[in-house]
Amino acid sequence: MRVYRQGDVILKRLEVEPNLGGANEKNDLTLAYGETTGHAHRITEGRVKLYALMTGAIVLRVLSEYARLFHEEHADILLAKGDYDISQQREWDWQSETNRNVAD
């Protein structure tokens, strides 16, 4: 499995095509927004579709040969054609005893 990371966003290349039945296609090609800077991890080149699954998972499907993932504070990542599971790094907050997304 191929894994990419851009700041707090983690992309895992899926080896098996996911079942997208019942998934909602998202029009916004932003994978995550930065809570502190207002910057965003977003697709700026290539033909892609972004799906929100009923389980809460997010799947990025790259339809063109490559797609470019951009963020103002990180190096661009070129993603080859295929499907990717999108997640955001989480951390444990000892004071509130809960986990939360890492702020980028």
PDB file of N, CA and C in Angstrom:
ATOM      1  N   MET A   1       0.850  -1.176   0.000  1.00  0.00           N
ATOM      2  CA  MET A   1       0.000   0.000   0.000  1.00  0.00           C
ATOM      3  C   MET A   1       0.898   1.242   0.000  1.00  0.00           C
ATOM      4  N   ARG A   2       0.608   2.149  -0.868  1.00  0.00           N
ATOM      5  CA  ARG A   2       1.352   3.398  -0.978  1.00  0.00           C
ATOM      6  C   ARG A   2       0.658   4.449  -0.102  1.00  0.00           C
ATOM      7  N   VAL A   3       1.431   5.162   0.738  1.00  0.00           N
ATOM      8  CA  VAL A   3       0.879   6.165   1.643  1.00  0.00           C
ATOM      9  C   VAL A   3       1.563   7.505   1.391  1.00  0.00           C
ATOM     10  N   TYR A   4       0.759   8.563   1.349  1.00  0.00           N
ATOM     11  CA  TYR A   4       1.254   9.925   1.165  1.00  0.00           C
ATOM     12  C   TYR A   4       0.805  10.753   2.358  1.00  0.00           C
ATOM     13  N   ARG A   5       1.597  11.754   2.695  1.00  0.00           N
ATOM     14  CA  ARG A   5       1.221  12.645   3.788  1.00  0.00           C
ATOM     15  C   ARG A   5       1.551  14.079   3.400  1.00  0.00           C
ATOM     16  N   GLN A   6       0.594  14.962   3.619  1.00  0.00           N
ATOM     17  CA  GLN A   6       0.799  16.386   3.400  1.00  0.00           C
ATOM     18  C   GLN A   6       0.288  17.074   4.659  1.00  0.00           C
ATOM     19  N   GLY A   7       1.232  17.435   5.550  1.00  0.00           N
ATOM     20  CA  GLY A   7       0.835  18.009   6.828  1.00  0.00           C
ATOM     21  C   GLY A   7       0.050  16.985   7.620  1.00  0.00           C
ATOM     22  N   ASP A   8      -1.173  17.348   8.016  1.00  0.00           N
ATOM     23  CA  ASP A   8      -2.008  16.452   8.821  1.00  0.00           C
ATOM     24  C   ASP A   8      -2.926  15.561   7.991  1.00  0.00           C
ATOM     25  N   VAL A   9      -2.848  15.659   6.660  1.00  0.00           N
ATOM     26  CA  VAL A   9      -3.689  14.842   5.776  1.00  0.00           C
ATOM     27  C   VAL A   9      -2.903  13.620   5.311  1.00  0.00           C
ATOM     28  N   ILE A  10      -3.534  12.447   5.441  1.00  0.00           N
ATOM     29  CA  ILE A  10      -2.910  11.187   5.056  1.00  0.00           C
ATOM     30  C   ILE A  10      -3.741  10.557   3.943  1.00  0.00           C
ATOM     31  N   LEU A  11      -3.072  10.151   2.870  1.00  0.00           N
ATOM     32  CA  LEU A  11      -3.740   9.511   1.738  1.00  0.00           C
ATOM     33  C   LEU A  11      -3.165   8.115   1.568  1.00  0.00           C
ATOM     34  N   LYS A  12      -4.029   7.108   1.551  1.00  0.00           N
ATOM     35  CA  LYS A  12      -3.599   5.723   1.365  1.00  0.00           C
ATOM     36  C   LYS A  12      -4.156   5.223   0.045  1.00  0.00           C
ATOM     37  N   ARG A  13      -3.268   4.809  -0.844  1.00  0.00           N
ATOM     38  CA  ARG A  13      -3.684   4.269  -2.142  1.00  0.00           C
ATOM     39  C   ARG A  13      -4.361   2.931  -1.919  1.00  0.00           C
ATOM     40  N   LEU A  14      -5.569   2.797  -2.403  1.00  0.00           N
ATOM     41  CA  LEU A  14      -6.328   1.560  -2.233  1.00  0.00           C
ATOM     42  C   LEU A  14      -5.979   0.585  -3.346  1.00  0.00           C
ATOM     43  N   GLU A  15      -5.741  -0.649  -2.982  1.00  0.00           N
ATOM     44  CA  GLU A  15      -5.378  -1.669  -3.960  1.00  0.00           C
ATOM     45  C   GLU A  15      -6.607  -2.326  -4.572  1.00  0.00           C
ATOM     46  N   VAL A  16      -7.738  -2.229  -3.878  1.00  0.00           N
ATOM     47  CA  VAL A  16      -9.001  -2.794  -4.358  1.00  0.00           C
ATOM     48  C   VAL A  16      -9.986  -1.649  -4.527  1.00  0.00           C
ATOM     49  N   GLU A  17     -10.692  -1.627  -5.644  1.00  0.00           N
ATOM     50  CA  GLU A  17     -11.664  -0.555  -5.891  1.00  0.00           C
ATOM     51  C   GLU A  17     -12.742  -0.581  -4.812  1.00  0.00           C
ATOM     52  N   PRO A  18     -12.987   0.557  -4.143  1.00  0.00           N
ATOM     53  CA  PRO A  18     -13.963   0.579  -3.057  1.00  0.00           C
ATOM     54  C   PRO A  18     -15.399   0.535  -3.577  1.00  0.00           C
ATOM     55  N   ASN A  19     -16.297   0.042  -2.755  1.00  0.00           N
ATOM     56  CA  ASN A  19     -17.716   0.050  -3.072  1.00  0.00           C
ATOM     57  C   ASN A  19     -18.244   1.449  -2.765  1.00  0.00           C
ATOM     58  N   LEU A  20     -18.621   2.186  -3.781  1.00  0.00           N
ATOM     59  CA  LEU A  20     -19.091   3.558  -3.603  1.00  0.00           C
ATOM     60  C   LEU A  20     -20.608   3.650  -3.643  1.00  0.00           C
ATOM     61  N   GLY A  21     -21.281   2.511  -3.522  1.00  0.00           N
ATOM     62  CA  GLY A  21     -22.736   2.507  -3.493  1.00  0.00           C
ATOM     63  C   GLY A  21     -23.250   3.295  -2.300  1.00  0.00           C
ATOM     64  N   GLY A  22     -24.130   4.235  -2.537  1.00  0.00           N
ATOM     65  CA  GLY A  22     -24.669   5.068  -1.466  1.00  0.00           C
ATOM     66  C   GLY A  22     -23.785   6.234  -1.081  1.00  0.00           C
ATOM     67  N   ALA A  23     -22.619   6.366  -1.710  1.00  0.00           N
ATOM     68  CA  ALA A  23     -21.713   7.474  -1.394  1.00  0.00           C
ATOM     69  C   ALA A  23     -22.227   8.768  -2.006  1.00  0.00           C
ATOM     70  N   ASN A  24     -21.955   9.870  -1.341  1.00  0.00           N
ATOM     71  CA  ASN A  24     -22.307  11.190  -1.861  1.00  0.00           C
ATOM     72  C   ASN A  24     -21.092  11.801  -2.534  1.00  0.00           C
ATOM     73  N   GLU A  25     -21.257  12.217  -3.776  1.00  0.00           N
ATOM     74  CA  GLU A  25     -20.165  12.891  -4.474  1.00  0.00           C
ATOM     75  C   GLU A  25     -20.103  14.327  -3.998  1.00  0.00           C
ATOM     76  N   LYS A  26     -18.906  14.763  -3.608  1.00  0.00           N
ATOM     77  CA  LYS A  26     -18.722  16.126  -3.119  1.00  0.00           C
ATOM     78  C   LYS A  26     -18.289  17.019  -4.272  1.00  0.00           C
ATOM     79  N   ASN A  27     -18.824  18.218  -4.333  1.00  0.00           N
ATOM     80  CA  ASN A  27     -18.451  19.168  -5.382  1.00  0.00           C
ATOM     81  C   ASN A  27     -17.169  19.910  -5.041  1.00  0.00           C
ATOM     82  N   ASP A  28     -16.905  20.097  -3.772  1.00  0.00           N
ATOM     83  CA  ASP A  28     -15.716  20.806  -3.312  1.00  0.00           C
ATOM     84  C   ASP A  28     -14.532  19.839  -3.329  1.00  0.00           C
ATOM     85  N   LEU A  29     -13.440  20.200  -3.976  1.00  0.00           N
ATOM     86  CA  LEU A  29     -12.273  19.324  -4.071  1.00  0.00           C
ATOM     87  C   LEU A  29     -11.251  19.626  -2.981  1.00  0.00           C
ATOM     88  N   THR A  30     -11.718  20.114  -1.840  1.00  0.00           N
ATOM     89  CA  THR A  30     -10.861  20.372  -0.690  1.00  0.00           C
ATOM     90  C   THR A  30     -10.902  19.162   0.225  1.00  0.00           C
ATOM     91  N   LEU A  31      -9.716  18.607   0.531  1.00  0.00           N
ATOM     92  CA  LEU A  31      -9.647  17.422   1.378  1.00  0.00           C
ATOM     93  C   LEU A  31      -9.717  17.782   2.848  1.00  0.00           C
ATOM     94  N   ALA A  32      -9.149  18.936   3.234  1.00  0.00           N
ATOM     95  CA  ALA A  32      -9.176  19.381   4.628  1.00  0.00           C
ATOM     96  C   ALA A  32      -8.843  20.864   4.684  1.00  0.00           C
ATOM     97  N   TYR A  33      -9.415  21.535   5.664  1.00  0.00           N
ATOM     98  CA  TYR A  33      -9.145  22.962   5.903  1.00  0.00           C
ATOM     99  C   TYR A  33      -8.265  23.107   7.127  1.00  0.00           C
ATOM    100  N   GLY A  34      -7.335  24.068   7.081  1.00  0.00           N
ATOM    101  CA  GLY A  34      -6.495  24.362   8.234  1.00  0.00           C
ATOM    102  C   GLY A  34      -7.264  25.203   9.242  1.00  0.00           C
ATOM    103  N   GLU A  35      -7.259  24.770  10.495  1.00  0.00           N
ATOM    104  CA  GLU A  35      -7.995  25.484  11.526  1.00  0.00           C
ATOM    105  C   GLU A  35      -7.313  26.781  11.944  1.00  0.00           C
ATOM    106  N   THR A  36      -5.990  26.809  11.905  1.00  0.00           N
ATOM    107  CA  THR A  36      -5.271  27.982  12.395  1.00  0.00           C
ATOM    108  C   THR A  36      -4.893  28.967  11.296  1.00  0.00           C
ATOM    109  N   THR A  37      -4.596  28.474  10.102  1.00  0.00           N
ATOM    110  CA  THR A  37      -4.119  29.369   9.045  1.00  0.00           C
ATOM    111  C   THR A  37      -5.180  29.715   8.015  1.00  0.00           C
ATOM    112  N   GLY A  38      -6.216  28.903   7.925  1.00  0.00           N
ATOM    113  CA  GLY A  38      -7.225  29.094   6.886  1.00  0.00           C
ATOM    114  C   GLY A  38      -6.812  28.500   5.549  1.00  0.00           C
ATOM    115  N   HIS A  39      -5.605  27.930   5.471  1.00  0.00           N
ATOM    116  CA  HIS A  39      -5.158  27.277   4.249  1.00  0.00           C
ATOM    117  C   HIS A  39      -5.898  25.954   4.085  1.00  0.00           C
ATOM    118  N   ALA A  40      -5.806  25.379   2.896  1.00  0.00           N
ATOM    119  CA  ALA A  40      -6.535  24.145   2.632  1.00  0.00           C
ATOM    120  C   ALA A  40      -5.714  23.175   1.810  1.00  0.00           C
ATOM    121  N   HIS A  41      -5.948  21.895   2.017  1.00  0.00           N
ATOM    122  CA  HIS A  41      -5.386  20.825   1.203  1.00  0.00           C
ATOM    123  C   HIS A  41      -6.406  20.579   0.110  1.00  0.00           C
ATOM    124  N   ARG A  42      -6.057  20.930  -1.136  1.00  0.00           N
ATOM    125  CA  ARG A  42      -7.046  20.828  -2.208  1.00  0.00           C
ATOM    126  C   ARG A  42      -6.398  20.373  -3.514  1.00  0.00           C
ATOM    127  N   ILE A  43      -7.241  19.784  -4.354  1.00  0.00           N
ATOM    128  CA  ILE A  43      -6.798  19.352  -5.675  1.00  0.00           C
ATOM    129  C   ILE A  43      -6.856  20.559  -6.607  1.00  0.00           C
ATOM    130  N   THR A  44      -5.729  20.868  -7.252  1.00  0.00           N
ATOM    131  CA  THR A  44      -5.675  22.030  -8.144  1.00  0.00           C
ATOM    132  C   THR A  44      -5.504  21.653  -9.608  1.00  0.00           C
ATOM    133  N   GLU A  45      -5.104  20.423  -9.892  1.00  0.00           N
ATOM    134  CA  GLU A  45      -4.937  19.971 -11.277  1.00  0.00           C
ATOM    135  C   GLU A  45      -5.382  18.528 -11.375  1.00  0.00           C
ATOM    136  N   GLY A  46      -5.882  18.170 -12.537  1.00  0.00           N
ATOM    137  CA  GLY A  46      -6.290  16.797 -12.783  1.00  0.00           C
ATOM    138  C   GLY A  46      -7.794  16.653 -12.653  1.00  0.00           C
ATOM    139  N   ARG A  47      -8.271  15.531 -13.132  1.00  0.00           N
ATOM    140  CA  ARG A  47      -9.701  15.233 -13.083  1.00  0.00           C
ATOM    141  C   ARG A  47      -9.924  14.206 -11.974  1.00  0.00           C
ATOM    142  N   VAL A  48     -10.715  14.604 -10.975  1.00  0.00           N
ATOM    143  CA  VAL A  48     -10.948  13.753  -9.812  1.00  0.00           C
ATOM    144  C   VAL A  48     -12.409  13.816  -9.380  1.00  0.00           C
ATOM    145  N   LYS A  49     -12.784  12.865  -8.544  1.00  0.00           N
ATOM    146  CA  LYS A  49     -14.075  12.890  -7.856  1.00  0.00           C
ATOM    147  C   LYS A  49     -13.798  12.577  -6.395  1.00  0.00           C
ATOM    148  N   LEU A  50     -14.527  13.243  -5.526  1.00  0.00           N
ATOM    149  CA  LEU A  50     -14.375  13.067  -4.089  1.00  0.00           C
ATOM    150  C   LEU A  50     -15.698  12.547  -3.541  1.00  0.00           C
ATOM    151  N   TYR A  51     -15.629  11.460  -2.795  1.00  0.00           N
ATOM    152  CA  TYR A  51     -16.843  10.811  -2.287  1.00  0.00           C
ATOM    153  C   TYR A  51     -16.829  10.766  -0.767  1.00  0.00           C
ATOM    154  N   ALA A  52     -17.985  11.028  -0.167  1.00  0.00           N
ATOM    155  CA  ALA A  52     -18.196  10.840   1.266  1.00  0.00           C
ATOM    156  C   ALA A  52     -19.032   9.584   1.444  1.00  0.00           C
ATOM    157  N   LEU A  53     -18.451   8.580   2.076  1.00  0.00           N
ATOM    158  CA  LEU A  53     -19.152   7.324   2.286  1.00  0.00           C
ATOM    159  C   LEU A  53     -20.044   7.397   3.517  1.00  0.00           C
ATOM    160  N   MET A  54     -21.017   6.520   3.582  1.00  0.00           N
ATOM    161  CA  MET A  54     -21.950   6.502   4.711  1.00  0.00           C
ATOM    162  C   MET A  54     -21.237   6.181   6.019  1.00  0.00           C
ATOM    163  N   THR A  55     -20.080   5.542   5.949  1.00  0.00           N
ATOM    164  CA  THR A  55     -19.294   5.209   7.145  1.00  0.00           C
ATOM    165  C   THR A  55     -18.539   6.414   7.697  1.00  0.00           C
ATOM    166  N   GLY A  56     -18.533   7.524   6.948  1.00  0.00           N
ATOM    167  CA  GLY A  56     -17.766   8.697   7.343  1.00  0.00           C
ATOM    168  C   GLY A  56     -16.432   8.785   6.620  1.00  0.00           C
ATOM    169  N   ALA A  57     -16.041   7.732   5.933  1.00  0.00           N
ATOM    170  CA  ALA A  57     -14.778   7.728   5.193  1.00  0.00           C
ATOM    171  C   ALA A  57     -14.891   8.636   3.964  1.00  0.00           C
ATOM    172  N   ILE A  58     -13.749   9.154   3.536  1.00  0.00           N
ATOM    173  CA  ILE A  58     -13.660   9.979   2.331  1.00  0.00           C
ATOM    174  C   ILE A  58     -12.759   9.249   1.343  1.00  0.00           C
ATOM    175  N   VAL A  59     -13.214   9.140   0.093  1.00  0.00           N
ATOM    176  CA  VAL A  59     -12.439   8.489  -0.963  1.00  0.00           C
ATOM    177  C   VAL A  59     -12.222   9.482  -2.092  1.00  0.00           C
ATOM    178  N   LEU A  60     -10.965   9.602  -2.519  1.00  0.00           N
ATOM    179  CA  LEU A  60     -10.602  10.425  -3.665  1.00  0.00           C
ATOM    180  C   LEU A  60     -10.343   9.488  -4.831  1.00  0.00           C
ATOM    181  N   ARG A  61     -11.019   9.711  -5.946  1.00  0.00           N
ATOM    182  CA  ARG A  61     -10.805   8.912  -7.154  1.00  0.00           C
ATOM    183  C   ARG A  61     -10.142   9.815  -8.190  1.00  0.00           C
ATOM    184  N   VAL A  62      -8.899   9.502  -8.548  1.00  0.00           N
ATOM    185  CA  VAL A  62      -8.171  10.236  -9.581  1.00  0.00           C
ATOM    186  C   VAL A  62      -8.494   9.582 -10.915  1.00  0.00           C
ATOM    187  N   LEU A  63      -9.132  10.334 -11.801  1.00  0.00           N
ATOM    188  CA  LEU A  63      -9.561   9.822 -13.101  1.00  0.00           C
ATOM    189  C   LEU A  63      -8.543  10.100 -14.200  1.00  0.00           C
ATOM    190  N   SER A  64      -7.811  11.189 -14.080  1.00  0.00           N
ATOM    191  CA  SER A  64      -6.781  11.523 -15.067  1.00  0.00           C
ATOM    192  C   SER A  64      -5.488  10.784 -14.708  1.00  0.00           C
ATOM    193  N   GLU A  65      -4.476  10.901 -15.560  1.00  0.00           N
ATOM    194  CA  GLU A  65      -3.212  10.207 -15.305  1.00  0.00           C
ATOM    195  C   GLU A  65      -2.634  10.615 -13.949  1.00  0.00           C
ATOM    196  N   TYR A  66      -2.714  11.920 -13.624  1.00  0.00           N
ATOM    197  CA  TYR A  66      -2.232  12.442 -12.347  1.00  0.00           C
ATOM    198  C   TYR A  66      -3.143  13.561 -11.867  1.00  0.00           C
ATOM    199  N   ALA A  67      -3.117  13.795 -10.561  1.00  0.00           N
ATOM    200  CA  ALA A  67      -3.781  14.949  -9.959  1.00  0.00           C
ATOM    201  C   ALA A  67      -2.790  15.586  -8.990  1.00  0.00           C
ATOM    202  N   ARG A  68      -2.904  16.899  -8.815  1.00  0.00           N
ATOM    203  CA  ARG A  68      -1.985  17.621  -7.934  1.00  0.00           C
ATOM    204  C   ARG A  68      -2.706  18.027  -6.649  1.00  0.00           C
ATOM    205  N   LEU A  69      -2.131  17.633  -5.496  1.00  0.00           N
ATOM    206  CA  LEU A  69      -2.631  18.050  -4.191  1.00  0.00           C
ATOM    207  C   LEU A  69      -1.783  19.225  -3.734  1.00  0.00           C
ATOM    208  N   PHE A  70      -2.440  20.352  -3.448  1.00  0.00           N
ATOM    209  CA  PHE A  70      -1.755  21.606  -3.134  1.00  0.00           C
ATOM    210  C   PHE A  70      -2.090  22.061  -1.722  1.00  0.00           C
ATOM    211  N   HIS A  71      -1.117  22.659  -1.057  1.00  0.00           N
ATOM    212  CA  HIS A  71      -1.301  23.362   0.210  1.00  0.00           C
ATOM    213  C   HIS A  71      -0.242  24.448   0.259  1.00  0.00           C
ATOM    214  N   GLU A  72      -0.607  25.608   0.780  1.00  0.00           N
ATOM    215  CA  GLU A  72       0.286  26.766   0.784  1.00  0.00           C
ATOM    216  C   GLU A  72       1.585  26.543   1.557  1.00  0.00           C
ATOM    217  N   GLU A  73       1.587  25.664   2.555  1.00  0.00           N
ATOM    218  CA  GLU A  73       2.764  25.492   3.414  1.00  0.00           C
ATOM    219  C   GLU A  73       3.491  24.160   3.227  1.00  0.00           C
ATOM    220  N   HIS A  74       3.061  23.356   2.261  1.00  0.00           N
ATOM    221  CA  HIS A  74       3.665  22.040   2.046  1.00  0.00           C
ATOM    222  C   HIS A  74       3.985  21.846   0.570  1.00  0.00           C
ATOM    223  N   ALA A  75       4.873  20.904   0.298  1.00  0.00           N
ATOM    224  CA  ALA A  75       5.194  20.572  -1.089  1.00  0.00           C
ATOM    225  C   ALA A  75       3.984  19.912  -1.750  1.00  0.00           C
ATOM    226  N   ASP A  76       3.793  20.181  -3.035  1.00  0.00           N
ATOM    227  CA  ASP A  76       2.720  19.552  -3.794  1.00  0.00           C
ATOM    228  C   ASP A  76       2.965  18.043  -3.866  1.00  0.00           C
ATOM    229  N   ILE A  77       1.885  17.298  -3.989  1.00  0.00           N
ATOM    230  CA  ILE A  77       1.976  15.855  -4.163  1.00  0.00           C
ATOM    231  C   ILE A  77       1.241  15.501  -5.450  1.00  0.00           C
ATOM    232  N   LEU A  78       1.910  14.737  -6.316  1.00  0.00           N
ATOM    233  CA  LEU A  78       1.268  14.225  -7.523  1.00  0.00           C
ATOM    234  C   LEU A  78       0.728  12.838  -7.219  1.00  0.00           C
ATOM    235  N   LEU A  79      -0.564  12.662  -7.451  1.00  0.00           N
ATOM    236  CA  LEU A  79      -1.235  11.395  -7.188  1.00  0.00           C
ATOM    237  C   LEU A  79      -1.577  10.723  -8.509  1.00  0.00           C
ATOM    238  N   ALA A  80      -1.140   9.483  -8.667  1.00  0.00           N
ATOM    239  CA  ALA A  80      -1.416   8.732  -9.892  1.00  0.00           C
ATOM    240  C   ALA A  80      -2.876   8.287  -9.920  1.00  0.00           C
ATOM    241  N   LYS A  81      -3.344   7.972 -11.111  1.00  0.00           N
ATOM    242  CA  LYS A  81      -4.708   7.492 -11.315  1.00  0.00           C
ATOM    243  C   LYS A  81      -4.998   6.339 -10.355  1.00  0.00           C
ATOM    244  N   GLY A  82      -6.174   6.392  -9.710  1.00  0.00           N
ATOM    245  CA  GLY A  82      -6.567   5.348  -8.767  1.00  0.00           C
ATOM    246  C   GLY A  82      -7.420   5.917  -7.649  1.00  0.00           C
ATOM    247  N   ASP A  83      -7.656   5.096  -6.640  1.00  0.00           N
ATOM    248  CA  ASP A  83      -8.495   5.463  -5.502  1.00  0.00           C
ATOM    249  C   ASP A  83      -7.635   5.618  -4.253  1.00  0.00           C
ATOM    250  N   TYR A  84      -8.005   6.607  -3.408  1.00  0.00           N
ATOM    251  CA  TYR A  84      -7.253   6.917  -2.203  1.00  0.00           C
ATOM    252  C   TYR A  84      -8.211   7.120  -1.028  1.00  0.00           C
ATOM    253  N   ASP A  85      -7.879   6.519   0.099  1.00  0.00           N
ATOM    254  CA  ASP A  85      -8.599   6.751   1.338  1.00  0.00           C
ATOM    255  C   ASP A  85      -7.981   7.994   1.982  1.00  0.00           C
ATOM    256  N   ILE A  86      -8.822   8.954   2.358  1.00  0.00           N
ATOM    257  CA  ILE A  86      -8.355  10.215   2.929  1.00  0.00           C
ATOM    258  C   ILE A  86      -8.652  10.226   4.420  1.00  0.00           C
ATOM    259  N   SER A  87      -7.658  10.543   5.228  1.00  0.00           N
ATOM    260  CA  SER A  87      -7.883  10.696   6.668  1.00  0.00           C
ATOM    261  C   SER A  87      -7.044  11.866   7.179  1.00  0.00           C
ATOM    262  N   GLN A  88      -7.383  12.302   8.369  1.00  0.00           N
ATOM    263  CA  GLN A  88      -6.659  13.407   8.986  1.00  0.00           C
ATOM    264  C   GLN A  88      -6.027  12.884  10.265  1.00  0.00           C
ATOM    265  N   GLN A  89      -4.763  13.235  10.481  1.00  0.00           N
ATOM    266  CA  GLN A  89      -4.053  12.785  11.668  1.00  0.00           C
ATOM    267  C   GLN A  89      -4.796  13.259  12.911  1.00  0.00           C
ATOM    268  N   ARG A  90      -4.843  12.390  13.921  1.00  0.00           N
ATOM    269  CA  ARG A  90      -5.554  12.708  15.151  1.00  0.00           C
ATOM    270  C   ARG A  90      -4.577  12.690  16.322  1.00  0.00           C
ATOM    271  N   GLU A  91      -4.935  13.382  17.384  1.00  0.00           N
ATOM    272  CA  GLU A  91      -4.101  13.402  18.581  1.00  0.00           C
ATOM    273  C   GLU A  91      -4.997  13.277  19.813  1.00  0.00           C
ATOM    274  N   TRP A  92      -4.414  12.788  20.909  1.00  0.00           N
ATOM    275  CA  TRP A  92      -5.145  12.624  22.155  1.00  0.00           C
ATOM    276  C   TRP A  92      -4.968  13.869  23.003  1.00  0.00           C
ATOM    277  N   ASP A  93      -6.088  14.412  23.503  1.00  0.00           N
ATOM    278  CA  ASP A  93      -6.072  15.565  24.398  1.00  0.00           C
ATOM    279  C   ASP A  93      -6.246  15.032  25.818  1.00  0.00           C
ATOM    280  N   TRP A  94      -5.178  15.078  26.594  1.00  0.00           N
ATOM    281  CA  TRP A  94      -5.188  14.500  27.937  1.00  0.00           C
ATOM    282  C   TRP A  94      -6.098  15.266  28.891  1.00  0.00           C
ATOM    283  N   GLN A  95      -6.287  16.549  28.656  1.00  0.00           N
ATOM    284  CA  GLN A  95      -7.142  17.329  29.561  1.00  0.00           C
ATOM    285  C   GLN A  95      -8.617  16.983  29.389  1.00  0.00           C
ATOM    286  N   SER A  96      -9.070  16.919  28.133  1.00  0.00           N
ATOM    287  CA  SER A  96     -10.484  16.617  27.890  1.00  0.00           C
ATOM    288  C   SER A  96     -10.740  15.123  27.724  1.00  0.00           C
ATOM    289  N   GLU A  97      -9.653  14.344  27.659  1.00  0.00           N
ATOM    290  CA  GLU A  97      -9.714  12.894  27.469  1.00  0.00           C
ATOM    291  C   GLU A  97     -10.519  12.511  26.213  1.00  0.00           C
ATOM    292  N   THR A  98     -10.242  13.227  25.144  1.00  0.00           N
ATOM    293  CA  THR A  98     -10.849  12.947  23.853  1.00  0.00           C
ATOM    294  C   THR A  98      -9.769  13.026  22.782  1.00  0.00           C
ATOM    295  N   ASN A  99     -10.069  12.480  21.600  1.00  0.00           N
ATOM    296  CA  ASN A  99      -9.129  12.673  20.503  1.00  0.00           C
ATOM    297  C   ASN A  99      -9.709  13.719  19.572  1.00  0.00           C
ATOM    298  N   ARG A 100      -8.839  14.348  18.811  1.00  0.00           N
ATOM    299  CA  ARG A 100      -9.247  15.428  17.908  1.00  0.00           C
ATOM    300  C   ARG A 100      -8.317  15.437  16.716  1.00  0.00           C
ATOM    301  N   ASN A 101      -8.762  16.103  15.635  1.00  0.00           N
ATOM    302  CA  ASN A 101      -7.925  16.273  14.454  1.00  0.00           C
ATOM    303  C   ASN A 101      -6.762  17.175  14.801  1.00  0.00           C
ATOM    304  N   VAL A 102      -5.601  16.878  14.235  1.00  0.00           N
ATOM    305  CA  VAL A 102      -4.438  17.740  14.396  1.00  0.00           C
ATOM    306  C   VAL A 102      -4.686  19.012  13.629  1.00  0.00           C
ATOM    307  N   ALA A 103      -4.405  20.156  14.228  1.00  0.00           N
ATOM    308  CA  ALA A 103      -4.600  21.460  13.553  1.00  0.00           C
ATOM    309  C   ALA A 103      -3.382  21.769  12.703  1.00  0.00           C
ATOM    310  N   ASP A 104      -3.596  22.114  11.451  1.00  0.00           N
ATOM    311  CA  ASP A 104      -2.510  22.416  10.515  1.00  0.00           C
ATOM    312  C   ASP A 104      -2.501  23.901  10.251  1.00  0.00           C
TER     313      ASP A 104
END
